[in-house]
C-alpha atoms as a PDB file:
ATOM      1  CA  MET A   1     -29.724  -0.576  -2.917  1.00  0.00           C
ATOM      2  CA  MET A   2     -26.943  -0.996  -0.343  1.00  0.00           C
ATOM      3  CA  THR A   3     -26.089   1.215   2.615  1.00  0.00           C
ATOM      4  CA  MET A   4     -22.389   1.806   3.079  1.00  0.00           C
ATOM      5  CA  ILE A   5     -20.756   1.954   6.497  1.00  0.00           C
ATOM      6  CA  ARG A   6     -17.084   2.402   7.306  1.00  0.00           C
ATOM      7  CA  VAL A   7     -15.411   0.303   9.994  1.00  0.00           C
ATOM      8  CA  THR A   8     -11.784  -0.309  10.884  1.00  0.00           C
ATOM      9  CA  GLY A   9     -10.620  -3.906  10.909  1.00  0.00           C
ATOM     10  CA  HIS A  10      -7.541  -6.032  11.347  1.00  0.00           C
ATOM     11  CA  ILE A  11      -6.063  -8.685   9.040  1.00  0.00           C
ATOM     12  CA  THR A  12      -4.656 -11.596  11.030  1.00  0.00           C
ATOM     13  CA  LYS A  13      -1.484 -13.510  10.169  1.00  0.00           C
ATOM     14  CA  ASP A  14      -3.587 -16.366   8.772  1.00  0.00           C
ATOM     15  CA  GLY A  15      -5.390 -14.008   6.369  1.00  0.00           C
ATOM     16  CA  LYS A  16      -8.681 -13.512   8.197  1.00  0.00           C
ATOM     17  CA  LEU A  17     -10.388 -10.134   8.469  1.00  0.00           C
ATOM     18  CA  GLU A  18     -11.619  -9.123  11.926  1.00  0.00           C
ATOM     19  CA  VAL A  19     -14.055  -6.204  12.243  1.00  0.00           C
ATOM     20  CA  GLU A  20     -16.426  -4.965  14.907  1.00  0.00           C
ATOM     21  CA  LEU A  21     -19.781  -4.198  13.261  1.00  0.00           C
ATOM     22  CA  PRO A  22     -22.283  -1.745  14.719  1.00  0.00           C
ATOM     23  CA  ALA A  23     -25.345  -3.223  16.410  1.00  0.00           C
ATOM     24  CA  GLY A  24     -28.595  -3.483  14.489  1.00  0.00           C
ATOM     25  CA  LEU A  25     -27.298  -4.448  11.052  1.00  0.00           C
ATOM     26  CA  PRO A  26     -29.630  -6.850   9.263  1.00  0.00           C
ATOM     27  CA  PRO A  27     -28.271 -10.283   8.306  1.00  0.00           C
ATOM     28  CA  GLY A  28     -27.594 -10.899   4.639  1.00  0.00           C
ATOM     29  CA  GLU A  29     -25.105 -10.524   1.840  1.00  0.00           C
ATOM     30  CA  VAL A  30     -22.568  -7.680   1.937  1.00  0.00           C
ATOM     31  CA  GLU A  31     -19.865  -6.405  -0.354  1.00  0.00           C
ATOM     32  CA  VAL A  32     -16.469  -5.989   1.318  1.00  0.00           C
ATOM     33  CA  MET A  33     -13.790  -3.593   0.059  1.00  0.00           C
ATOM     34  CA  VAL A  34     -10.419  -3.597   1.816  1.00  0.00           C
ATOM     35  CA  GLN A  35      -8.119  -0.581   1.882  1.00  0.00           C
ATOM     36  CA  VAL A  36      -4.745  -1.594   3.275  1.00  0.00           C
ATOM     37  CA  ALA A  37      -2.877   0.997   5.323  1.00  0.00           C
ATOM     38  CA  THR A  38       0.729   1.444   4.242  1.00  0.00           C
ATOM     39  CA  HIS A  39       3.727   2.725   6.133  1.00  0.00           C
ATOM     40  CA  LYS A  40       5.499   5.777   4.771  1.00  0.00           C
ATOM     41  CA  GLN A  41       8.699   3.852   4.023  1.00  0.00           C
ATOM     42  CA  ALA A  42       6.755   1.170   2.142  1.00  0.00           C
ATOM     43  CA  VAL A  43       5.122   3.652  -0.238  1.00  0.00           C
ATOM     44  CA  VAL A  44       6.761   3.765  -3.647  1.00  0.00           C
ATOM     45  CA  GLU A  45       5.699   6.692  -5.749  1.00  0.00           C
ATOM     46  CA  TYR A  46       5.800   6.442  -9.517  1.00  0.00           C
ATOM     47  CA  ASP A  47       7.943   9.084 -11.124  1.00  0.00           C
ATOM     48  CA  ASP A  48       7.012   9.575 -14.771  1.00  0.00           C
ATOM     49  CA  THR A  49       9.997  11.807 -15.482  1.00  0.00           C
ATOM     50  CA  PRO A  50      11.706  10.410 -18.581  1.00  0.00           C
ATOM     51  CA  PHE A  51      15.248   9.075 -18.303  1.00  0.00           C
ATOM     52  CA  THR A  52      18.017  11.326 -19.568  1.00  0.00           C
ATOM     53  CA  LEU A  53      20.463  10.015 -22.170  1.00  0.00           C
ATOM     54  CA  GLU A  54      23.144   9.916 -19.465  1.00  0.00           C
ATOM     55  CA  GLU A  55      20.932   7.794 -17.186  1.00  0.00           C
ATOM     56  CA  ILE A  56      20.178   5.397 -20.040  1.00  0.00           C
ATOM     57  CA  ALA A  57      23.887   5.122 -20.879  1.00  0.00           C
ATOM     58  CA  GLU A  58      24.649   4.352 -17.209  1.00  0.00           C
ATOM     59  CA  LEU A  59      21.981   1.618 -17.108  1.00  0.00           C
ATOM     60  CA  LEU A  60      23.441  -0.003 -20.234  1.00  0.00           C
ATOM     61  CA  ILE A  61      26.939  -0.441 -18.784  1.00  0.00           C
ATOM     62  CA  PRO A  62      27.573  -4.185 -18.277  1.00  0.00           C
ATOM     63  CA  ARG A  63      28.375  -5.120 -14.698  1.00  0.00           C
ATOM     64  CA  PRO A  64      29.545  -8.744 -14.662  1.00  0.00           C
ATOM     65  CA  VAL A  65      28.803 -10.873 -11.600  1.00  0.00           C
ATOM     66  CA  PRO A  66      31.534 -13.185 -10.282  1.00  0.00           C
ATOM     67  CA  THR A  67      30.751 -16.837 -10.993  1.00  0.00           C
ATOM     68  CA  LYS A  68      30.882 -17.638  -7.259  1.00  0.00           C
ATOM     69  CA  ASP A  69      27.813 -15.375  -6.824  1.00  0.00           C
ATOM     70  CA  ILE A  70      25.736 -17.078  -9.523  1.00  0.00           C
ATOM     71  CA  ILE A  71      23.143 -19.492  -8.162  1.00  0.00           C
ATOM     72  CA  THR A  72      22.736 -22.552 -10.331  1.00  0.00           C
ATOM     73  CA  GLY A  73      20.625 -25.647 -10.116  1.00  0.00           C
ATOM     74  CA  GLY A  74      16.971 -26.153  -9.465  1.00  0.00           C
ATOM     75  CA  TRP A  75      14.800 -28.498  -7.467  1.00  0.00           C
ATOM     76  CA  GLU A  76      17.637 -31.011  -7.167  1.00  0.00           C
ATOM     77  CA  ASP A  77      19.450 -28.545  -4.914  1.00  0.00           C
ATOM     78  CA  VAL A  78      16.506 -28.246  -2.523  1.00  0.00           C
ATOM     79  CA  ASP A  79      16.064 -30.987   0.074  1.00  0.00           C
ATOM     80  CA  LEU A  80      12.448 -31.943  -0.649  1.00  0.00           C
ATOM     81  CA  GLY A  81      12.653 -35.707  -0.553  1.00  0.00           C
ATOM     82  CA  ASP A  82      10.141 -37.171  -3.007  1.00  0.00           C
ATOM     83  CA  SER A  83       8.926 -34.244  -5.146  1.00  0.00           C
ATOM     84  CA  ALA A  84       5.518 -35.838  -5.805  1.00  0.00           C
ATOM     85  CA  GLU A  85       4.945 -36.267  -2.059  1.00  0.00           C
ATOM     86  CA  TRP A  86       6.012 -32.651  -1.462  1.00  0.00           C
ATOM     87  CA  VAL A  87       3.575 -31.344  -4.088  1.00  0.00           C
ATOM     88  CA  GLU A  88       0.743 -33.426  -2.593  1.00  0.00           C
ATOM     89  CA  LYS A  89       1.577 -32.123   0.910  1.00  0.00           C
ATOM     90  CA  ILE A  90       1.457 -28.499  -0.300  1.00  0.00           C
ATOM     91  CA  ARG A  91      -1.808 -29.154  -2.171  1.00  0.00           C
ATOM     92  CA  GLN A  92      -3.365 -30.618   0.993  1.00  0.00           C
ATOM     93  CA  GLN A  93      -2.190 -27.629   3.066  1.00  0.00           C
ATOM     94  CA  GLU A  94      -3.742 -25.180   0.596  1.00  0.00           C
ATOM     95  CA  GLU A  95      -7.005 -27.145   0.538  1.00  0.00           C
ATOM     96  CA  ASN A  96      -7.109 -27.175   4.352  1.00  0.00           C
ATOM     97  CA  ASN A  97      -6.438 -23.418   4.451  1.00  0.00           C
ATOM     98  CA  ARG A  98      -9.346 -22.785   2.051  1.00  0.00           C
ATOM     99  CA  ARG A  99     -11.665 -24.913   4.215  1.00  0.00           C
ATOM    100  CA  LEU A 100     -10.638 -23.045   7.385  1.00  0.00           C
ATOM    101  CA  GLN A 101     -11.451 -19.705   5.767  1.00  0.00           C
ATOM    102  CA  TRP A 102     -15.056 -20.723   5.195  1.00  0.00           C
END
């Protein structure tokens, strides 16, 4: 059986959770559930109102994009140097981040 307590915490930029726990809690395993506070403007509510035929017709109208606005290419357009070295560098960074979290 687990006792549930509610505390307010803070998530840091590097992804760590900081909380101030009440005194007297016994050491041991805990289950952590995080509820993230959202700002009013960031909340997107789902509207399950069906589309009207007019709205569907409007969405189906083709709207061509000028060719100058089309982004083409792939990795060759990104200045990465040696791609294998870049991938290894990113892999090492992720591994280091995982180690720092523990």
